[in-house]
């Protein structure tokens, strides 16, 4: 579907498209430690996403999100198919739910 066979290939291709920052999913926001910023659900959009299924183990499944802030900061964020869903706020769940 996405044309990429590995997480590494996908991340490398996204970096070439300008998604150079690494974001981490937090309960109510996404955070980029290198820029020392946090983005709440209303502060970013999900431009695209890529799903990877674990070939032998469903626990190896992941989603890579390519995100952009309102200020034009672009980066990627990975999620292991809802591993952190229990700790997310309603706003974050709503932001990500259409893509899970």
C-alpha atoms as a PDB file:
ATOM      1  CA  UNK A   1       0.000   0.000   0.000  1.00  0.00           C
ATOM      2  CA  UNK A   2       2.677   2.522   0.954  1.00  0.00           C
ATOM      3  CA  UNK A   3       5.460   1.200  -1.276  1.00  0.00           C
ATOM      4  CA  UNK A   4       7.936   0.911   1.588  1.00  0.00           C
ATOM      5  CA  UNK A   5       8.864  -2.473   2.987  1.00  0.00           C
ATOM      6  CA  UNK A   6      10.563  -1.423   6.213  1.00  0.00           C
ATOM      7  CA  UNK A   7      10.207   1.191   8.906  1.00  0.00           C
ATOM      8  CA  UNK A   8      13.757   2.377   8.134  1.00  0.00           C
ATOM      9  CA  UNK A   9      12.984   2.869   4.414  1.00  0.00           C
ATOM     10  CA  UNK A  10       9.879   4.849   5.305  1.00  0.00           C
ATOM     11  CA  UNK A  11      11.661   7.087   7.823  1.00  0.00           C
ATOM     12  CA  UNK A  12      14.490   7.752   5.350  1.00  0.00           C
ATOM     13  CA  UNK A  13      12.024   8.682   2.593  1.00  0.00           C
ATOM     14  CA  UNK A  14      10.118  10.992   4.936  1.00  0.00           C
ATOM     15  CA  UNK A  15      13.362  12.720   5.978  1.00  0.00           C
ATOM     16  CA  UNK A  16      13.989  13.476   2.287  1.00  0.00           C
ATOM     17  CA  UNK A  17      10.521  15.086   2.228  1.00  0.00           C
ATOM     18  CA  UNK A  18      11.451  17.354   5.131  1.00  0.00           C
ATOM     19  CA  UNK A  19      10.089  15.338   8.064  1.00  0.00           C
ATOM     20  CA  UNK A  20      13.359  15.637   9.962  1.00  0.00           C
ATOM     21  CA  UNK A  21      12.272  15.967  13.590  1.00  0.00           C
ATOM     22  CA  UNK A  22      11.422  13.101  15.931  1.00  0.00           C
ATOM     23  CA  UNK A  23       8.236  13.458  17.970  1.00  0.00           C
ATOM     24  CA  UNK A  24       7.168  11.339  20.932  1.00  0.00           C
ATOM     25  CA  UNK A  25       3.559  10.614  21.808  1.00  0.00           C
ATOM     26  CA  UNK A  26       2.519  11.893  25.238  1.00  0.00           C
ATOM     27  CA  UNK A  27      -0.917  11.586  26.893  1.00  0.00           C
ATOM     28  CA  UNK A  28      -2.116  15.036  25.757  1.00  0.00           C
ATOM     29  CA  UNK A  29       0.409  16.144  23.129  1.00  0.00           C
ATOM     30  CA  UNK A  30       3.361  15.219  20.955  1.00  0.00           C
ATOM     31  CA  UNK A  31       6.811  16.317  22.044  1.00  0.00           C
ATOM     32  CA  UNK A  32      10.043  17.044  20.185  1.00  0.00           C
ATOM     33  CA  UNK A  33      12.886  16.957  22.688  1.00  0.00           C
ATOM     34  CA  UNK A  34      15.515  18.307  20.266  1.00  0.00           C
ATOM     35  CA  UNK A  35      13.441  21.464  19.690  1.00  0.00           C
ATOM     36  CA  UNK A  36      12.068  21.545  23.237  1.00  0.00           C
ATOM     37  CA  UNK A  37       8.481  21.934  21.997  1.00  0.00           C
ATOM     38  CA  UNK A  38       5.153  20.275  22.652  1.00  0.00           C
ATOM     39  CA  UNK A  39       2.261  20.287  20.206  1.00  0.00           C
ATOM     40  CA  UNK A  40      -1.309  19.746  21.369  1.00  0.00           C
ATOM     41  CA  UNK A  41      -3.906  18.184  19.047  1.00  0.00           C
ATOM     42  CA  UNK A  42      -5.019  21.563  17.704  1.00  0.00           C
ATOM     43  CA  UNK A  43      -1.401  22.552  16.929  1.00  0.00           C
ATOM     44  CA  UNK A  44      -0.525  19.871  14.360  1.00  0.00           C
ATOM     45  CA  UNK A  45      -1.932  17.877  11.478  1.00  0.00           C
ATOM     46  CA  UNK A  46      -1.232  14.346  10.381  1.00  0.00           C
ATOM     47  CA  UNK A  47      -0.110  14.605   6.760  1.00  0.00           C
ATOM     48  CA  UNK A  48       0.166  10.869   6.154  1.00  0.00           C
ATOM     49  CA  UNK A  49       0.657   7.611   7.947  1.00  0.00           C
ATOM     50  CA  UNK A  50       2.128   4.194   7.233  1.00  0.00           C
ATOM     51  CA  UNK A  51       1.126   0.908   8.852  1.00  0.00           C
ATOM     52  CA  UNK A  52       3.510  -1.987   9.349  1.00  0.00           C
ATOM     53  CA  UNK A  53       2.233  -5.423  10.327  1.00  0.00           C
ATOM     54  CA  UNK A  54       4.437  -7.796  12.295  1.00  0.00           C
ATOM     55  CA  UNK A  55       5.143 -10.779  10.018  1.00  0.00           C
ATOM     56  CA  UNK A  56       5.434 -13.340  12.787  1.00  0.00           C
ATOM     57  CA  UNK A  57       4.314 -11.392  15.841  1.00  0.00           C
ATOM     58  CA  UNK A  58       1.356  -8.975  15.986  1.00  0.00           C
ATOM     59  CA  UNK A  59       3.157  -7.127  18.788  1.00  0.00           C
ATOM     60  CA  UNK A  60       5.659  -5.946  16.154  1.00  0.00           C
ATOM     61  CA  UNK A  61       2.985  -3.862  14.392  1.00  0.00           C
ATOM     62  CA  UNK A  62       3.525  -0.105  14.207  1.00  0.00           C
ATOM     63  CA  UNK A  63       2.277   3.107  12.637  1.00  0.00           C
ATOM     64  CA  UNK A  64       4.528   5.931  11.475  1.00  0.00           C
ATOM     65  CA  UNK A  65       2.834   9.336  11.405  1.00  0.00           C
ATOM     66  CA  UNK A  66       4.226  12.211   9.319  1.00  0.00           C
ATOM     67  CA  UNK A  67       3.099  15.383  11.093  1.00  0.00           C
ATOM     68  CA  UNK A  68       3.327  19.142  10.530  1.00  0.00           C
ATOM     69  CA  UNK A  69       2.855  21.937  13.027  1.00  0.00           C
ATOM     70  CA  UNK A  70       0.990  25.153  12.283  1.00  0.00           C
ATOM     71  CA  UNK A  71       4.433  26.815  12.180  1.00  0.00           C
ATOM     72  CA  UNK A  72       5.676  24.410   9.494  1.00  0.00           C
ATOM     73  CA  UNK A  73       7.782  22.121  11.679  1.00  0.00           C
ATOM     74  CA  UNK A  74       7.721  18.653  10.117  1.00  0.00           C
ATOM     75  CA  UNK A  75       8.575  15.373  11.755  1.00  0.00           C
ATOM     76  CA  UNK A  76       7.662  11.775  12.398  1.00  0.00           C
ATOM     77  CA  UNK A  77       6.137   9.900  15.286  1.00  0.00           C
ATOM     78  CA  UNK A  78       5.828   6.147  15.800  1.00  0.00           C
ATOM     79  CA  UNK A  79       3.127   4.274  17.684  1.00  0.00           C
ATOM     80  CA  UNK A  80       3.006   0.548  18.353  1.00  0.00           C
ATOM     81  CA  UNK A  81      -0.676   0.202  17.359  1.00  0.00           C
ATOM     82  CA  UNK A  82      -2.249   1.728  20.371  1.00  0.00           C
ATOM     83  CA  UNK A  83       0.155   0.587  23.064  1.00  0.00           C
ATOM     84  CA  UNK A  84      -0.254   3.973  24.768  1.00  0.00           C
ATOM     85  CA  UNK A  85      -3.955   4.414  24.022  1.00  0.00           C
ATOM     86  CA  UNK A  86      -5.035   3.869  27.629  1.00  0.00           C
ATOM     87  CA  UNK A  87      -3.063   6.892  28.805  1.00  0.00           C
ATOM     88  CA  UNK A  88      -4.104   9.298  26.019  1.00  0.00           C
ATOM     89  CA  UNK A  89      -6.534  12.152  26.543  1.00  0.00           C
ATOM     90  CA  UNK A  90      -9.790  12.191  24.614  1.00  0.00           C
ATOM     91  CA  UNK A  91      -8.460  14.935  22.312  1.00  0.00           C
ATOM     92  CA  UNK A  92      -5.378  12.890  21.411  1.00  0.00           C
ATOM     93  CA  UNK A  93      -7.444   9.747  20.840  1.00  0.00           C
ATOM     94  CA  UNK A  94      -9.756  11.704  18.538  1.00  0.00           C
ATOM     95  CA  UNK A  95      -6.778  13.134  16.656  1.00  0.00           C
ATOM     96  CA  UNK A  96      -5.296   9.687  16.024  1.00  0.00           C
ATOM     97  CA  UNK A  97      -8.369   7.432  15.926  1.00  0.00           C
ATOM     98  CA  UNK A  98      -9.186   7.760  12.240  1.00  0.00           C
ATOM     99  CA  UNK A  99      -5.730   6.475  11.445  1.00  0.00           C
ATOM    100  CA  UNK A 100      -5.456   3.520  13.817  1.00  0.00           C
END
